[in-house]
Every structure is written in C-alpha cells, then in structure tokens.
Amino acid sequence: MPDVTRRIAIGVDVGGSGVKCGAVDIATGQLVGARRRVATPQPSTPAAVVGVIARLVERIGREAGAPGAPVGVGVPSVVIEGVTKTAANIDPTWIGFDAGRALGASIGRPVVVLNDADAAGIAEMRFGAGVGKAGTVFVLTLGTGLGSALFINGVLVPNTELGHMEIRGRDAERRSAAVARIRRGLSWKAWSGDLDEHLHAIDRLFWPTLIILGGGVSKNADRFLPYLTVRPPVVPAQLRNDAGIVGAAMAAEEAAAP
C-alpha cells in the first residue's frame, strides 16, 4: 500500500532532446519509483509537448500511487505567470504560449510552470551543494544550452538568462554549454577555457559567493574544474540530471500548500 503520510509531487523537466518525469518525496528530495524519459517531439510544438507531458504525468502518478499529486513543469524558457516568453532549444511557437493553462486543462488540475534552470536550482539549494549557502549563489546547468538560476540568501530571483549574455559577439552558451565541447570536438581542458571566460564575465557583474555547476556534465567535474580560474568557489551539483524534476515538483507542492 502507498504511504499516505508521504508528501508526493510530480516533476517534469522539458529539454531540447528529452522530456523527463518523476514522482518526488518532497521531504527528502528523492524520486519515488522510476524516472521516465521520452524523446522531445520534433518539431517540439506546444501541442505535441503538452500531450507527451500529460501522458507521462498520468503514468507516473499511477505508478507512485498518487494520481492527484501536484504537478510542476520546468521548460527552457522565461516563464511569467505560466506564460512562456522565450524559446531556447525548443520550438519558437512556445513564445507567448499560456503553458500553465494548457497543461492544467490537459492534466486536469493546476500545473506550476517555471524556467528549467530555476527548477534545477531550487532542488540544488534545498538538497544539494547549495544547502545552507548564504549570499549570492548561481546554479548553472550545462547541457544543450547554459541555464542560470540566481539565489540571494536562498531566495530565487527567477528568469535570469545568463547563457544568452554576449561574449565575443554571440550568445555565451554557444561556447560554454556542455554540448559545445562535443560539437566542436574540444578536449576538456580546451572547453574549460571557454567556460572559464563565461564565468569570469558573470563574476564581473554579480560577484557571487558560490557557483554550482549542474547538468549531466557535473559527473565529470574532475575533468574540467581544476582548469577554472574564476574568483569564487566553483563546485559540482549533487543532484545532476534529477535536479530539474525535483525542483519542479517542489515548486508545485509549495504552490498547492494551504
């Protein structure tokens, strides 16, 4: 029988290549049961992605014994009151789309929608490398792009888009994102120089206390962290690819709380 005392929410992490979903024990930040992943539809239009999310949420809720659990969805976009304002590594028809309303109608209950990097940052600050960290902390997610989440004394400042700050005349993430290393055939040391330049630019503007680097690349932190020269401490994230799911679920549970 399911543990009825456990607080469970469902988190969804929408990326350029995959949509991941899982049920989360809010008290511990641990996934309950299996994490499910399906390929992001191509083209990744809102209608196609909303359909995929609804099916994943239904399946995960059933498997976790929590069919009515709150749902949070992280998307690669600036999100204001449920409306996606940008489209990074996802179909441009997301711009101006009322994702919160569409997902709520498809799933059958309110859905919290937030920026994917903000979701990952929430999880990392609550359960990972950011626990107890005061001051200005950045959680940067390195993947297809580079997402950023800014926290001031543990409080999220939403929708920072530091992957798109300009370095050498173009979006910084085109050189510092994890996929850029693979696309350009660079060694870890060579790529770390591009990432380091980006981190120095962030430091000049914000003077952070700590920078946390997340995404799947964080499991290889020993391959590139030693080459970074930026002033603040830089540490690998601890939740890695589960962070977006966990943070989205946490945002949903907090929104649903009385």
C-alpha atoms as a PDB file:
ATOM      1  CA  MET A   1       0.000   0.000   0.000  1.00  0.00           C
ATOM      2  CA  PRO A   2       1.263   3.538  -0.702  1.00  0.00           C
ATOM      3  CA  ASP A   3       2.457   5.588   2.270  1.00  0.00           C
ATOM      4  CA  VAL A   4      -0.366   8.100   2.642  1.00  0.00           C
ATOM      5  CA  THR A   5       1.704  10.219   5.047  1.00  0.00           C
ATOM      6  CA  ARG A   6       4.394  10.894   2.444  1.00  0.00           C
ATOM      7  CA  ARG A   7       4.066  14.172   0.533  1.00  0.00           C
ATOM      8  CA  ILE A   8       4.497  13.435  -3.158  1.00  0.00           C
ATOM      9  CA  ALA A   9       4.543  15.807  -6.106  1.00  0.00           C
ATOM     10  CA  ILE A  10       5.307  15.153  -9.754  1.00  0.00           C
ATOM     11  CA  GLY A  11       8.073  16.998 -11.564  1.00  0.00           C
ATOM     12  CA  VAL A  12       8.625  17.299 -15.308  1.00  0.00           C
ATOM     13  CA  ASP A  13      11.818  18.547 -16.951  1.00  0.00           C
ATOM     14  CA  VAL A  14      11.435  19.545 -20.609  1.00  0.00           C
ATOM     15  CA  GLY A  15      14.649  19.674 -22.609  1.00  0.00           C
ATOM     16  CA  GLY A  16      15.611  20.055 -26.212  1.00  0.00           C
ATOM     17  CA  SER A  17      16.190  16.320 -26.614  1.00  0.00           C
ATOM     18  CA  GLY A  18      14.143  14.675 -23.879  1.00  0.00           C
ATOM     19  CA  VAL A  19      11.203  15.093 -21.514  1.00  0.00           C
ATOM     20  CA  LYS A  20      11.841  13.577 -18.071  1.00  0.00           C
ATOM     21  CA  CYS A  21       9.265  12.949 -15.380  1.00  0.00           C
ATOM     22  CA  GLY A  22       9.249  11.517 -11.883  1.00  0.00           C
ATOM     23  CA  ALA A  23       7.384  11.450  -8.579  1.00  0.00           C
ATOM     24  CA  VAL A  24       9.268  13.119  -5.740  1.00  0.00           C
ATOM     25  CA  ASP A  25       9.149  12.735  -1.980  1.00  0.00           C
ATOM     26  CA  ILE A  26       9.087  16.417  -1.052  1.00  0.00           C
ATOM     27  CA  ALA A  27      10.553  15.862   2.418  1.00  0.00           C
ATOM     28  CA  THR A  28      13.701  14.172   1.131  1.00  0.00           C
ATOM     29  CA  GLY A  29      14.041  15.252  -2.497  1.00  0.00           C
ATOM     30  CA  GLN A  30      14.267  11.596  -3.514  1.00  0.00           C
ATOM     31  CA  LEU A  31      12.494  10.142  -6.518  1.00  0.00           C
ATOM     32  CA  VAL A  32       9.710   7.701  -5.736  1.00  0.00           C
ATOM     33  CA  GLY A  33       9.902   4.848  -8.225  1.00  0.00           C
ATOM     34  CA  ALA A  34      11.324   5.081 -11.716  1.00  0.00           C
ATOM     35  CA  ARG A  35      12.212   8.224 -13.632  1.00  0.00           C
ATOM     36  CA  ARG A  36      10.650   8.163 -17.079  1.00  0.00           C
ATOM     37  CA  ARG A  37      12.136   9.797 -20.153  1.00  0.00           C
ATOM     38  CA  VAL A  38      10.825  10.108 -23.701  1.00  0.00           C
ATOM     39  CA  ALA A  39      12.282  11.947 -26.660  1.00  0.00           C
ATOM     40  CA  THR A  40      11.119  15.509 -27.107  1.00  0.00           C
ATOM     41  CA  PRO A  41       8.750  15.594 -30.100  1.00  0.00           C
ATOM     42  CA  GLN A  42      10.164  17.057 -33.290  1.00  0.00           C
ATOM     43  CA  PRO A  43       9.030  19.663 -34.025  1.00  0.00           C
ATOM     44  CA  SER A  44       8.689  20.477 -30.346  1.00  0.00           C
ATOM     45  CA  THR A  45       5.454  22.452 -30.675  1.00  0.00           C
ATOM     46  CA  PRO A  46       3.424  23.233 -27.552  1.00  0.00           C
ATOM     47  CA  ALA A  47       0.590  20.895 -28.546  1.00  0.00           C
ATOM     48  CA  ALA A  48       2.953  17.965 -29.097  1.00  0.00           C
ATOM     49  CA  VAL A  49       4.928  18.517 -25.886  1.00  0.00           C
ATOM     50  CA  VAL A  50       1.809  19.097 -23.758  1.00  0.00           C
ATOM     51  CA  GLY A  51       0.452  15.748 -24.959  1.00  0.00           C
ATOM     52  CA  VAL A  52       3.674  13.968 -24.017  1.00  0.00           C
ATOM     53  CA  ILE A  53       3.721  15.607 -20.575  1.00  0.00           C
ATOM     54  CA  ALA A  54       0.102  14.665 -19.859  1.00  0.00           C
ATOM     55  CA  ARG A  55       0.751  11.017 -20.660  1.00  0.00           C
ATOM     56  CA  LEU A  56       3.924  10.916 -18.558  1.00  0.00           C
ATOM     57  CA  VAL A  57       2.219  12.551 -15.588  1.00  0.00           C
ATOM     58  CA  GLU A  58      -0.683  10.115 -15.741  1.00  0.00           C
ATOM     59  CA  ARG A  59       1.699   7.153 -15.815  1.00  0.00           C
ATOM     60  CA  ILE A  60       3.977   8.421 -13.052  1.00  0.00           C
ATOM     61  CA  GLY A  61       1.051   9.330 -10.811  1.00  0.00           C
ATOM     62  CA  ARG A  62      -0.444   5.870 -11.232  1.00  0.00           C
ATOM     63  CA  GLU A  63       2.868   4.110 -10.566  1.00  0.00           C
ATOM     64  CA  ALA A  64       3.537   6.216  -7.456  1.00  0.00           C
ATOM     65  CA  GLY A  65       0.027   5.698  -6.083  1.00  0.00           C
ATOM     66  CA  ALA A  66      -0.520   9.468  -6.180  1.00  0.00           C
ATOM     67  CA  PRO A  67      -2.795  10.197  -9.160  1.00  0.00           C
ATOM     68  CA  GLY A  68      -3.827  13.606  -7.829  1.00  0.00           C
ATOM     69  CA  ALA A  69      -0.349  14.827  -6.844  1.00  0.00           C
ATOM     70  CA  PRO A  70       0.615  18.429  -7.619  1.00  0.00           C
ATOM     71  CA  VAL A  71       2.485  18.866 -10.906  1.00  0.00           C
ATOM     72  CA  GLY A  72       5.354  21.190 -11.751  1.00  0.00           C
ATOM     73  CA  VAL A  73       6.928  21.577 -15.186  1.00  0.00           C
ATOM     74  CA  GLY A  74      10.294  23.136 -15.965  1.00  0.00           C
ATOM     75  CA  VAL A  75      10.708  24.431 -19.511  1.00  0.00           C
ATOM     76  CA  PRO A  76      13.649  26.084 -21.329  1.00  0.00           C
ATOM     77  CA  SER A  77      12.010  29.490 -21.350  1.00  0.00           C
ATOM     78  CA  VAL A  78      11.455  32.627 -19.361  1.00  0.00           C
ATOM     79  CA  VAL A  79       8.113  31.987 -17.643  1.00  0.00           C
ATOM     80  CA  ILE A  80       5.890  34.734 -16.253  1.00  0.00           C
ATOM     81  CA  GLU A  81       2.553  33.759 -14.685  1.00  0.00           C
ATOM     82  CA  GLY A  82       2.541  30.500 -16.603  1.00  0.00           C
ATOM     83  CA  VAL A  83       3.215  32.090 -19.987  1.00  0.00           C
ATOM     84  CA  THR A  84       6.436  31.145 -21.797  1.00  0.00           C
ATOM     85  CA  LYS A  85       8.104  34.286 -23.112  1.00  0.00           C
ATOM     86  CA  THR A  86      11.154  32.852 -24.892  1.00  0.00           C
ATOM     87  CA  ALA A  87      12.104  29.592 -26.605  1.00  0.00           C
ATOM     88  CA  ALA A  88      15.637  28.300 -26.072  1.00  0.00           C
ATOM     89  CA  ASN A  89      16.327  24.942 -27.726  1.00  0.00           C
ATOM     90  CA  ILE A  90      12.615  24.394 -28.250  1.00  0.00           C
ATOM     91  CA  ASP A  91      10.128  25.317 -30.991  1.00  0.00           C
ATOM     92  CA  PRO A  92       9.648  29.111 -31.348  1.00  0.00           C
ATOM     93  CA  THR A  93       5.858  28.714 -31.171  1.00  0.00           C
ATOM     94  CA  TRP A  94       6.301  28.489 -27.393  1.00  0.00           C
ATOM     95  CA  ILE A  95       6.848  32.260 -27.313  1.00  0.00           C
ATOM     96  CA  GLY A  96       3.716  33.803 -25.796  1.00  0.00           C
ATOM     97  CA  PHE A  97       2.120  30.403 -25.073  1.00  0.00           C
ATOM     98  CA  ASP A  98      -0.012  30.063 -21.923  1.00  0.00           C
ATOM     99  CA  ALA A  99       1.624  26.820 -20.851  1.00  0.00           C
ATOM    100  CA  GLY A 100       0.099  26.812 -17.383  1.00  0.00           C
ATOM    101  CA  ARG A 101      -3.439  26.966 -18.710  1.00  0.00           C
ATOM    102  CA  ALA A 102      -2.854  24.413 -21.475  1.00  0.00           C
ATOM    103  CA  LEU A 103      -1.153  21.916 -19.184  1.00  0.00           C
ATOM    104  CA  GLY A 104      -3.773  22.365 -16.477  1.00  0.00           C
ATOM    105  CA  ALA A 105      -6.546  21.651 -18.972  1.00  0.00           C
ATOM    106  CA  SER A 106      -4.761  18.596 -20.364  1.00  0.00           C
ATOM    107  CA  ILE A 107      -3.784  17.114 -16.992  1.00  0.00           C
ATOM    108  CA  GLY A 108      -6.984  18.048 -15.207  1.00  0.00           C
ATOM    109  CA  ARG A 109      -5.574  20.077 -12.309  1.00  0.00           C
ATOM    110  CA  PRO A 110      -3.457  23.190 -11.758  1.00  0.00           C
ATOM    111  CA  VAL A 111       0.118  22.984 -13.033  1.00  0.00           C
ATOM    112  CA  VAL A 112       3.030  25.194 -11.987  1.00  0.00           C
ATOM    113  CA  VAL A 113       5.311  26.135 -14.901  1.00  0.00           C
ATOM    114  CA  LEU A 114       8.761  27.616 -14.343  1.00  0.00           C
ATOM    115  CA  ASN A 115      12.113  28.050 -16.029  1.00  0.00           C
ATOM    116  CA  ASP A 116      14.009  24.753 -16.156  1.00  0.00           C
ATOM    117  CA  ALA A 117      17.239  26.141 -14.686  1.00  0.00           C
ATOM    118  CA  ASP A 118      15.268  27.781 -11.866  1.00  0.00           C
ATOM    119  CA  ALA A 119      13.728  24.389 -11.110  1.00  0.00           C
ATOM    120  CA  ALA A 120      17.140  22.714 -11.003  1.00  0.00           C
ATOM    121  CA  GLY A 121      18.463  25.500  -8.802  1.00  0.00           C
ATOM    122  CA  ILE A 122      15.612  25.167  -6.305  1.00  0.00           C
ATOM    123  CA  ALA A 123      16.438  21.492  -5.864  1.00  0.00           C
ATOM    124  CA  GLU A 124      20.176  22.062  -5.571  1.00  0.00           C
ATOM    125  CA  MET A 125      19.724  24.785  -2.956  1.00  0.00           C
ATOM    126  CA  ARG A 126      17.368  22.634  -0.888  1.00  0.00           C
ATOM    127  CA  PHE A 127      19.005  19.235  -1.136  1.00  0.00           C
ATOM    128  CA  GLY A 128      22.372  19.607  -2.894  1.00  0.00           C
ATOM    129  CA  ALA A 129      25.514  21.703  -2.970  1.00  0.00           C
ATOM    130  CA  GLY A 130      23.678  24.904  -2.078  1.00  0.00           C
ATOM    131  CA  VAL A 131      22.277  23.777   1.269  1.00  0.00           C
ATOM    132  CA  GLY A 132      22.865  26.468   3.879  1.00  0.00           C
ATOM    133  CA  LYS A 133      24.731  28.751   1.458  1.00  0.00           C
ATOM    134  CA  ALA A 134      24.127  32.468   2.061  1.00  0.00           C
ATOM    135  CA  GLY A 135      24.952  35.422  -0.164  1.00  0.00           C
ATOM    136  CA  THR A 136      24.747  35.394  -3.948  1.00  0.00           C
ATOM    137  CA  VAL A 137      24.751  31.879  -5.384  1.00  0.00           C
ATOM    138  CA  PHE A 138      24.450  30.840  -9.013  1.00  0.00           C
ATOM    139  CA  VAL A 139      23.371  27.394 -10.135  1.00  0.00           C
ATOM    140  CA  LEU A 140      24.349  26.948 -13.789  1.00  0.00           C
ATOM    141  CA  THR A 141      23.036  23.991 -15.785  1.00  0.00           C
ATOM    142  CA  LEU A 142      25.316  22.872 -18.597  1.00  0.00           C
ATOM    143  CA  GLY A 143      23.639  20.889 -21.344  1.00  0.00           C
ATOM    144  CA  THR A 144      22.270  21.717 -24.782  1.00  0.00           C
ATOM    145  CA  GLY A 145      22.391  25.309 -23.597  1.00  0.00           C
ATOM    146  CA  LEU A 146      23.511  27.005 -20.400  1.00  0.00           C
ATOM    147  CA  GLY A 147      20.774  27.830 -17.916  1.00  0.00           C
ATOM    148  CA  SER A 148      21.198  30.019 -14.858  1.00  0.00           C
ATOM    149  CA  ALA A 149      19.431  30.304 -11.524  1.00  0.00           C
ATOM    150  CA  LEU A 150      20.274  33.142  -9.134  1.00  0.00           C
ATOM    151  CA  PHE A 151      19.692  32.945  -5.369  1.00  0.00           C
ATOM    152  CA  ILE A 152      20.133  35.737  -2.842  1.00  0.00           C
ATOM    153  CA  ASN A 153      20.360  34.308   0.670  1.00  0.00           C
ATOM    154  CA  GLY A 154      18.458  31.273  -0.541  1.00  0.00           C
ATOM    155  CA  VAL A 155      15.694  33.202  -2.317  1.00  0.00           C
ATOM    156  CA  LEU A 156      15.288  32.655  -6.056  1.00  0.00           C
ATOM    157  CA  VAL A 157      15.481  35.604  -8.444  1.00  0.00           C
ATOM    158  CA  PRO A 158      13.640  33.992 -11.382  1.00  0.00           C
ATOM    159  CA  ASN A 159      14.279  34.012 -15.102  1.00  0.00           C
ATOM    160  CA  THR A 160      17.912  35.044 -15.327  1.00  0.00           C
ATOM    161  CA  GLU A 161      19.195  34.122 -18.778  1.00  0.00           C
ATOM    162  CA  LEU A 162      22.960  34.297 -18.450  1.00  0.00           C
ATOM    163  CA  GLY A 163      23.506  31.707 -21.163  1.00  0.00           C
ATOM    164  CA  HIS A 164      22.480  34.461 -23.548  1.00  0.00           C
ATOM    165  CA  MET A 165      24.834  37.155 -22.306  1.00  0.00           C
ATOM    166  CA  GLU A 166      27.082  38.266 -25.148  1.00  0.00           C
ATOM    167  CA  ILE A 167      30.714  37.190 -25.267  1.00  0.00           C
ATOM    168  CA  ARG A 168      32.785  37.723 -28.404  1.00  0.00           C
ATOM    169  CA  GLY A 169      29.706  38.899 -30.297  1.00  0.00           C
ATOM    170  CA  ARG A 170      27.367  35.965 -29.712  1.00  0.00           C
ATOM    171  CA  ASP A 171      25.468  34.049 -27.037  1.00  0.00           C
ATOM    172  CA  ALA A 172      27.954  32.813 -24.463  1.00  0.00           C
ATOM    173  CA  GLU A 173      26.337  29.366 -24.273  1.00  0.00           C
ATOM    174  CA  ARG A 174      27.384  28.629 -27.838  1.00  0.00           C
ATOM    175  CA  ARG A 175      30.897  28.112 -26.449  1.00  0.00           C
ATOM    176  CA  SER A 176      30.327  27.253 -22.785  1.00  0.00           C
ATOM    177  CA  ALA A 177      27.397  24.795 -22.907  1.00  0.00           C
ATOM    178  CA  ALA A 178      28.288  21.134 -22.472  1.00  0.00           C
ATOM    179  CA  VAL A 179      27.157  20.263 -25.984  1.00  0.00           C
ATOM    180  CA  ALA A 180      29.561  22.869 -27.393  1.00  0.00           C
ATOM    181  CA  ARG A 181      32.526  20.765 -26.295  1.00  0.00           C
ATOM    182  CA  ILE A 182      31.208  17.773 -28.209  1.00  0.00           C
ATOM    183  CA  ARG A 183      30.057  19.755 -31.228  1.00  0.00           C
ATOM    184  CA  ARG A 184      33.443  21.432 -31.599  1.00  0.00           C
ATOM    185  CA  GLY A 185      35.499  18.335 -30.769  1.00  0.00           C
ATOM    186  CA  LEU A 186      37.323  20.023 -27.887  1.00  0.00           C
ATOM    187  CA  SER A 187      39.288  18.459 -25.075  1.00  0.00           C
ATOM    188  CA  TRP A 188      38.030  19.035 -21.544  1.00  0.00           C
ATOM    189  CA  LYS A 189      40.904  21.475 -20.970  1.00  0.00           C
ATOM    190  CA  ALA A 190      40.176  23.500 -24.107  1.00  0.00           C
ATOM    191  CA  TRP A 191      36.454  23.683 -23.364  1.00  0.00           C
ATOM    192  CA  SER A 192      37.127  24.705 -19.769  1.00  0.00           C
ATOM    193  CA  GLY A 193      38.812  27.843 -21.114  1.00  0.00           C
ATOM    194  CA  ASP A 194      35.589  28.871 -22.864  1.00  0.00           C
ATOM    195  CA  LEU A 195      33.545  28.089 -19.757  1.00  0.00           C
ATOM    196  CA  ASP A 196      36.028  29.998 -17.592  1.00  0.00           C
ATOM    197  CA  GLU A 197      35.664  33.098 -19.770  1.00  0.00           C
ATOM    198  CA  HIS A 198      31.903  32.944 -19.294  1.00  0.00           C
ATOM    199  CA  LEU A 199      32.237  32.534 -15.528  1.00  0.00           C
ATOM    200  CA  HIS A 200      34.604  35.500 -15.334  1.00  0.00           C
ATOM    201  CA  ALA A 201      32.010  37.622 -17.154  1.00  0.00           C
ATOM    202  CA  ILE A 202      29.348  36.576 -14.651  1.00  0.00           C
ATOM    203  CA  ASP A 203      31.703  37.331 -11.759  1.00  0.00           C
ATOM    204  CA  ARG A 204      32.416  40.842 -13.017  1.00  0.00           C
ATOM    205  CA  LEU A 205      28.679  41.616 -12.991  1.00  0.00           C
ATOM    206  CA  PHE A 206      27.421  39.823  -9.877  1.00  0.00           C
ATOM    207  CA  TRP A 207      30.367  38.938  -7.603  1.00  0.00           C
ATOM    208  CA  PRO A 208      28.777  35.675  -6.443  1.00  0.00           C
ATOM    209  CA  THR A 209      29.661  33.861  -3.239  1.00  0.00           C
ATOM    210  CA  LEU A 210      29.460  30.459  -4.928  1.00  0.00           C
ATOM    211  CA  ILE A 211      28.895  28.955  -8.381  1.00  0.00           C
ATOM    212  CA  ILE A 212      27.362  25.487  -8.662  1.00  0.00           C
ATOM    213  CA  LEU A 213      27.687  23.702 -11.998  1.00  0.00           C
ATOM    214  CA  GLY A 214      24.951  21.192 -12.815  1.00  0.00           C
ATOM    215  CA  GLY A 215      23.669  19.069 -15.656  1.00  0.00           C
ATOM    216  CA  GLY A 216      24.999  15.702 -16.725  1.00  0.00           C
ATOM    217  CA  VAL A 217      28.475  17.155 -17.206  1.00  0.00           C
ATOM    218  CA  SER A 218      28.790  17.607 -13.436  1.00  0.00           C
ATOM    219  CA  LYS A 219      29.629  13.914 -13.089  1.00  0.00           C
ATOM    220  CA  ASN A 220      32.873  14.711 -14.953  1.00  0.00           C
ATOM    221  CA  ALA A 221      33.724  17.714 -12.799  1.00  0.00           C
ATOM    222  CA  ASP A 222      37.228  16.449 -12.117  1.00  0.00           C
ATOM    223  CA  ARG A 223      37.945  16.702 -15.847  1.00  0.00           C
ATOM    224  CA  PHE A 224      37.466  20.485 -16.036  1.00  0.00           C
ATOM    225  CA  LEU A 225      37.114  22.147 -12.612  1.00  0.00           C
ATOM    226  CA  PRO A 226      40.899  22.135 -11.991  1.00  0.00           C
ATOM    227  CA  TYR A 227      41.380  24.380 -15.039  1.00  0.00           C
ATOM    228  CA  LEU A 228      38.944  27.109 -13.926  1.00  0.00           C
ATOM    229  CA  THR A 229      40.494  30.336 -12.632  1.00  0.00           C
ATOM    230  CA  VAL A 230      37.401  32.383 -11.731  1.00  0.00           C
ATOM    231  CA  ARG A 231      37.473  34.068  -8.292  1.00  0.00           C
ATOM    232  CA  PRO A 232      34.511  32.468  -6.424  1.00  0.00           C
ATOM    233  CA  PRO A 233      34.483  28.796  -5.454  1.00  0.00           C
ATOM    234  CA  VAL A 234      33.033  26.547  -8.157  1.00  0.00           C
ATOM    235  CA  VAL A 235      31.595  23.164  -7.137  1.00  0.00           C
ATOM    236  CA  PRO A 236      29.705  20.412  -8.972  1.00  0.00           C
ATOM    237  CA  ALA A 237      25.988  19.987  -8.421  1.00  0.00           C
ATOM    238  CA  GLN A 238      24.935  16.944  -6.461  1.00  0.00           C
ATOM    239  CA  LEU A 239      21.516  16.146  -7.941  1.00  0.00           C
ATOM    240  CA  ARG A 240      22.756  16.146 -11.547  1.00  0.00           C
ATOM    241  CA  ASN A 241      20.051  15.204 -14.056  1.00  0.00           C
ATOM    242  CA  ASP A 242      17.362  14.699 -11.405  1.00  0.00           C
ATOM    243  CA  ALA A 243      17.533  18.319 -10.239  1.00  0.00           C
ATOM    244  CA  GLY A 244      15.017  19.683 -12.741  1.00  0.00           C
ATOM    245  CA  ILE A 245      12.438  17.053 -11.820  1.00  0.00           C
ATOM    246  CA  VAL A 246      12.932  17.536  -8.081  1.00  0.00           C
ATOM    247  CA  GLY A 247      12.797  21.333  -8.243  1.00  0.00           C
ATOM    248  CA  ALA A 248       9.691  21.396 -10.439  1.00  0.00           C
ATOM    249  CA  ALA A 249       7.939  19.040  -8.034  1.00  0.00           C
ATOM    250  CA  MET A 250       8.939  21.217  -5.079  1.00  0.00           C
ATOM    251  CA  ALA A 251       7.568  24.342  -6.776  1.00  0.00           C
ATOM    252  CA  ALA A 252       4.278  22.542  -7.427  1.00  0.00           C
ATOM    253  CA  GLU A 253       3.925  21.304  -3.858  1.00  0.00           C
ATOM    254  CA  GLU A 254       4.681  24.731  -2.414  1.00  0.00           C
ATOM    255  CA  ALA A 255       2.102  26.354  -4.703  1.00  0.00           C
ATOM    256  CA  ALA A 256      -0.504  23.785  -3.662  1.00  0.00           C
ATOM    257  CA  ALA A 257       0.155  24.200   0.071  1.00  0.00           C
ATOM    258  CA  PRO A 258      -2.638  25.950   2.013  1.00  0.00           C
END
